Amino acid sequence: MELRVLEAPGDFIYVALEGRLDLAGVQAVQPQFTSRVVARKRSTAVDVSGVTFLASLGMRMLVEAARTVHRVGGRLVLLRPQQHVREALEMAGLAPLLPVASSEAEAFSLLGSA
């Protein structure tokens, strides 16, 4: 599992996750994800197009980050999830908490309306 920090317009955070968000993946990336996203408490776009598997622990990590950011008036948006990842999020009922964007422009537009 890998986390990359990308350049974002304005005061947003933009990161990309790649790999499997299963137990091992979450353990590998959560400390860095927490310090880059959760601790800063700013609206964040998370590119999950490279996430090949999303387990419940991965969903929990994303939900906790979204809730923390939301408490300070921000939003967390997932960008370009693969179809099976999107379906897992929908089946878990997480769409209201973890909105999905299909492009960077859409993601940053959603973040700007937070």
C-alpha atoms as a PDB file:
ATOM      1  CA  MET A   1       0.000   0.000   0.000  1.00  0.00           C
ATOM      2  CA  GLU A   2       1.327   3.413  -0.924  1.00  0.00           C
ATOM      3  CA  LEU A   3       0.264   6.992  -0.220  1.00  0.00           C
ATOM      4  CA  ARG A   4       1.423   9.826  -2.464  1.00  0.00           C
ATOM      5  CA  VAL A   5       0.889  13.515  -1.779  1.00  0.00           C
ATOM      6  CA  LEU A   6      -0.182  15.390  -4.894  1.00  0.00           C
ATOM      7  CA  GLU A   7      -0.378  19.097  -5.641  1.00  0.00           C
ATOM      8  CA  ALA A   8      -3.767  20.654  -4.959  1.00  0.00           C
ATOM      9  CA  PRO A   9      -5.217  24.055  -5.761  1.00  0.00           C
ATOM     10  CA  GLY A  10      -5.980  26.389  -2.910  1.00  0.00           C
ATOM     11  CA  ASP A  11      -6.037  25.157   0.654  1.00  0.00           C
ATOM     12  CA  PHE A  12      -7.001  21.575  -0.133  1.00  0.00           C
ATOM     13  CA  ILE A  13      -5.100  18.380   0.553  1.00  0.00           C
ATOM     14  CA  TYR A  14      -4.761  15.952  -2.358  1.00  0.00           C
ATOM     15  CA  VAL A  15      -3.447  12.449  -1.811  1.00  0.00           C
ATOM     16  CA  ALA A  16      -3.481   9.202  -3.792  1.00  0.00           C
ATOM     17  CA  LEU A  17      -3.750   5.716  -2.359  1.00  0.00           C
ATOM     18  CA  GLU A  18      -2.517   2.709  -4.314  1.00  0.00           C
ATOM     19  CA  GLY A  19      -2.776  -0.959  -3.457  1.00  0.00           C
ATOM     20  CA  ARG A  20      -5.028  -3.010  -1.233  1.00  0.00           C
ATOM     21  CA  LEU A  21      -6.791  -1.338   1.683  1.00  0.00           C
ATOM     22  CA  ASP A  22      -6.997  -4.558   3.666  1.00  0.00           C
ATOM     23  CA  LEU A  23      -5.514  -5.201   7.119  1.00  0.00           C
ATOM     24  CA  ALA A  24      -1.899  -5.069   5.909  1.00  0.00           C
ATOM     25  CA  GLY A  25      -2.553  -2.076   3.656  1.00  0.00           C
ATOM     26  CA  VAL A  26      -4.262  -0.055   6.367  1.00  0.00           C
ATOM     27  CA  GLN A  27      -1.497  -0.848   8.836  1.00  0.00           C
ATOM     28  CA  ALA A  28       1.092   0.266   6.283  1.00  0.00           C
ATOM     29  CA  VAL A  29      -0.534   3.545   5.279  1.00  0.00           C
ATOM     30  CA  GLN A  30      -2.663   4.710   8.224  1.00  0.00           C
ATOM     31  CA  PRO A  31       0.095   6.534  10.167  1.00  0.00           C
ATOM     32  CA  GLN A  32       1.064   8.567   7.107  1.00  0.00           C
ATOM     33  CA  PHE A  33      -2.589   9.060   6.066  1.00  0.00           C
ATOM     34  CA  THR A  34      -3.431  10.300   9.558  1.00  0.00           C
ATOM     35  CA  SER A  35      -0.557  12.780   9.650  1.00  0.00           C
ATOM     36  CA  ARG A  36      -1.165  14.054   6.098  1.00  0.00           C
ATOM     37  CA  VAL A  37      -4.971  14.220   6.188  1.00  0.00           C
ATOM     38  CA  VAL A  38      -6.620  13.766   9.563  1.00  0.00           C
ATOM     39  CA  ALA A  39      -4.231  15.870  11.651  1.00  0.00           C
ATOM     40  CA  ARG A  40      -4.445  18.818   9.241  1.00  0.00           C
ATOM     41  CA  LYS A  41      -8.263  18.880   9.298  1.00  0.00           C
ATOM     42  CA  ARG A  42      -8.664  20.402   5.837  1.00  0.00           C
ATOM     43  CA  SER A  43     -10.858  19.468   2.911  1.00  0.00           C
ATOM     44  CA  THR A  44      -9.234  16.573   1.104  1.00  0.00           C
ATOM     45  CA  ALA A  45      -9.429  14.791  -2.223  1.00  0.00           C
ATOM     46  CA  VAL A  46      -8.332  11.159  -2.016  1.00  0.00           C
ATOM     47  CA  ASP A  47      -7.564   9.581  -5.378  1.00  0.00           C
ATOM     48  CA  VAL A  48      -8.506   5.932  -4.903  1.00  0.00           C
ATOM     49  CA  SER A  49      -8.234   4.921  -8.556  1.00  0.00           C
ATOM     50  CA  GLY A  50      -5.240   2.761  -7.625  1.00  0.00           C
ATOM     51  CA  VAL A  51      -7.013   0.973  -4.779  1.00  0.00           C
ATOM     52  CA  THR A  52      -7.562  -2.587  -5.965  1.00  0.00           C
ATOM     53  CA  PHE A  53      -9.380  -3.887  -2.873  1.00  0.00           C
ATOM     54  CA  LEU A  54     -11.284  -2.125  -0.088  1.00  0.00           C
ATOM     55  CA  ALA A  55     -11.914  -4.051   3.125  1.00  0.00           C
ATOM     56  CA  SER A  56     -14.013  -2.824   6.029  1.00  0.00           C
ATOM     57  CA  LEU A  57     -10.854  -1.611   7.810  1.00  0.00           C
ATOM     58  CA  GLY A  58     -10.034   0.570   4.807  1.00  0.00           C
ATOM     59  CA  MET A  59     -13.566   1.950   4.831  1.00  0.00           C
ATOM     60  CA  ARG A  60     -13.206   2.687   8.534  1.00  0.00           C
ATOM     61  CA  MET A  61      -9.964   4.601   7.961  1.00  0.00           C
ATOM     62  CA  LEU A  62     -11.655   6.738   5.274  1.00  0.00           C
ATOM     63  CA  VAL A  63     -14.813   7.291   7.348  1.00  0.00           C
ATOM     64  CA  GLU A  64     -12.833   8.369  10.423  1.00  0.00           C
ATOM     65  CA  ALA A  65     -10.880  10.848   8.302  1.00  0.00           C
ATOM     66  CA  ALA A  66     -14.072  12.180   6.713  1.00  0.00           C
ATOM     67  CA  ARG A  67     -15.725  12.647  10.110  1.00  0.00           C
ATOM     68  CA  THR A  68     -12.712  14.471  11.513  1.00  0.00           C
ATOM     69  CA  VAL A  69     -12.520  16.806   8.518  1.00  0.00           C
ATOM     70  CA  HIS A  70     -16.295  17.324   8.579  1.00  0.00           C
ATOM     71  CA  ARG A  71     -16.211  18.411  12.258  1.00  0.00           C
ATOM     72  CA  VAL A  72     -14.155  21.449  11.260  1.00  0.00           C
ATOM     73  CA  GLY A  73     -16.347  22.323   8.287  1.00  0.00           C
ATOM     74  CA  GLY A  74     -14.424  20.478   5.601  1.00  0.00           C
ATOM     75  CA  ARG A  75     -15.152  17.549   3.346  1.00  0.00           C
ATOM     76  CA  LEU A  76     -13.373  14.449   2.130  1.00  0.00           C
ATOM     77  CA  VAL A  77     -14.060  13.386  -1.467  1.00  0.00           C
ATOM     78  CA  LEU A  78     -12.994  10.125  -3.088  1.00  0.00           C
ATOM     79  CA  LEU A  79     -11.742  10.423  -6.633  1.00  0.00           C
ATOM     80  CA  ARG A  80     -12.150   7.844  -9.415  1.00  0.00           C
ATOM     81  CA  PRO A  81     -12.753   4.608  -7.482  1.00  0.00           C
ATOM     82  CA  GLN A  82     -12.678   1.391  -9.483  1.00  0.00           C
ATOM     83  CA  GLN A  83     -16.138  -0.098 -10.017  1.00  0.00           C
ATOM     84  CA  HIS A  84     -15.814  -2.812  -7.370  1.00  0.00           C
ATOM     85  CA  VAL A  85     -14.551  -0.275  -4.809  1.00  0.00           C
ATOM     86  CA  ARG A  86     -17.457   2.051  -5.601  1.00  0.00           C
ATOM     87  CA  GLU A  87     -19.901  -0.839  -5.236  1.00  0.00           C
ATOM     88  CA  ALA A  88     -18.415  -1.800  -1.863  1.00  0.00           C
ATOM     89  CA  LEU A  89     -18.855   1.775  -0.628  1.00  0.00           C
ATOM     90  CA  GLU A  90     -22.440   1.888  -1.899  1.00  0.00           C
ATOM     91  CA  MET A  91     -23.308  -1.480  -0.334  1.00  0.00           C
ATOM     92  CA  ALA A  92     -21.924  -0.233   2.987  1.00  0.00           C
ATOM     93  CA  GLY A  93     -24.142   2.867   2.743  1.00  0.00           C
ATOM     94  CA  LEU A  94     -21.196   5.272   2.849  1.00  0.00           C
ATOM     95  CA  ALA A  95     -22.128   7.460  -0.136  1.00  0.00           C
ATOM     96  CA  PRO A  96     -23.441  10.352   2.006  1.00  0.00           C
ATOM     97  CA  LEU A  97     -20.262  10.475   4.086  1.00  0.00           C
ATOM     98  CA  LEU A  98     -17.773   9.696   1.303  1.00  0.00           C
ATOM     99  CA  PRO A  99     -18.887  11.461  -1.880  1.00  0.00           C
ATOM    100  CA  VAL A 100     -17.315  10.238  -5.106  1.00  0.00           C
ATOM    101  CA  ALA A 101     -16.024  12.393  -7.975  1.00  0.00           C
ATOM    102  CA  SER A 102     -15.097  11.157 -11.428  1.00  0.00           C
ATOM    103  CA  SER A 103     -12.597  13.934 -12.198  1.00  0.00           C
ATOM    104  CA  GLU A 104     -10.227  16.269 -10.402  1.00  0.00           C
ATOM    105  CA  ALA A 105     -12.335  19.260 -11.445  1.00  0.00           C
ATOM    106  CA  GLU A 106     -15.452  17.668  -9.952  1.00  0.00           C
ATOM    107  CA  ALA A 107     -13.604  16.724  -6.750  1.00  0.00           C
ATOM    108  CA  PHE A 108     -12.245  20.225  -6.182  1.00  0.00           C
ATOM    109  CA  SER A 109     -15.637  21.713  -7.013  1.00  0.00           C
ATOM    110  CA  LEU A 110     -17.231  19.497  -4.337  1.00  0.00           C
ATOM    111  CA  LEU A 111     -14.519  20.474  -1.853  1.00  0.00           C
ATOM    112  CA  GLY A 112     -15.047  24.148  -2.605  1.00  0.00           C
ATOM    113  CA  SER A 113     -18.718  23.842  -1.736  1.00  0.00           C
ATOM    114  CA  ALA A 114     -18.005  22.337   1.683  1.00  0.00           C
END
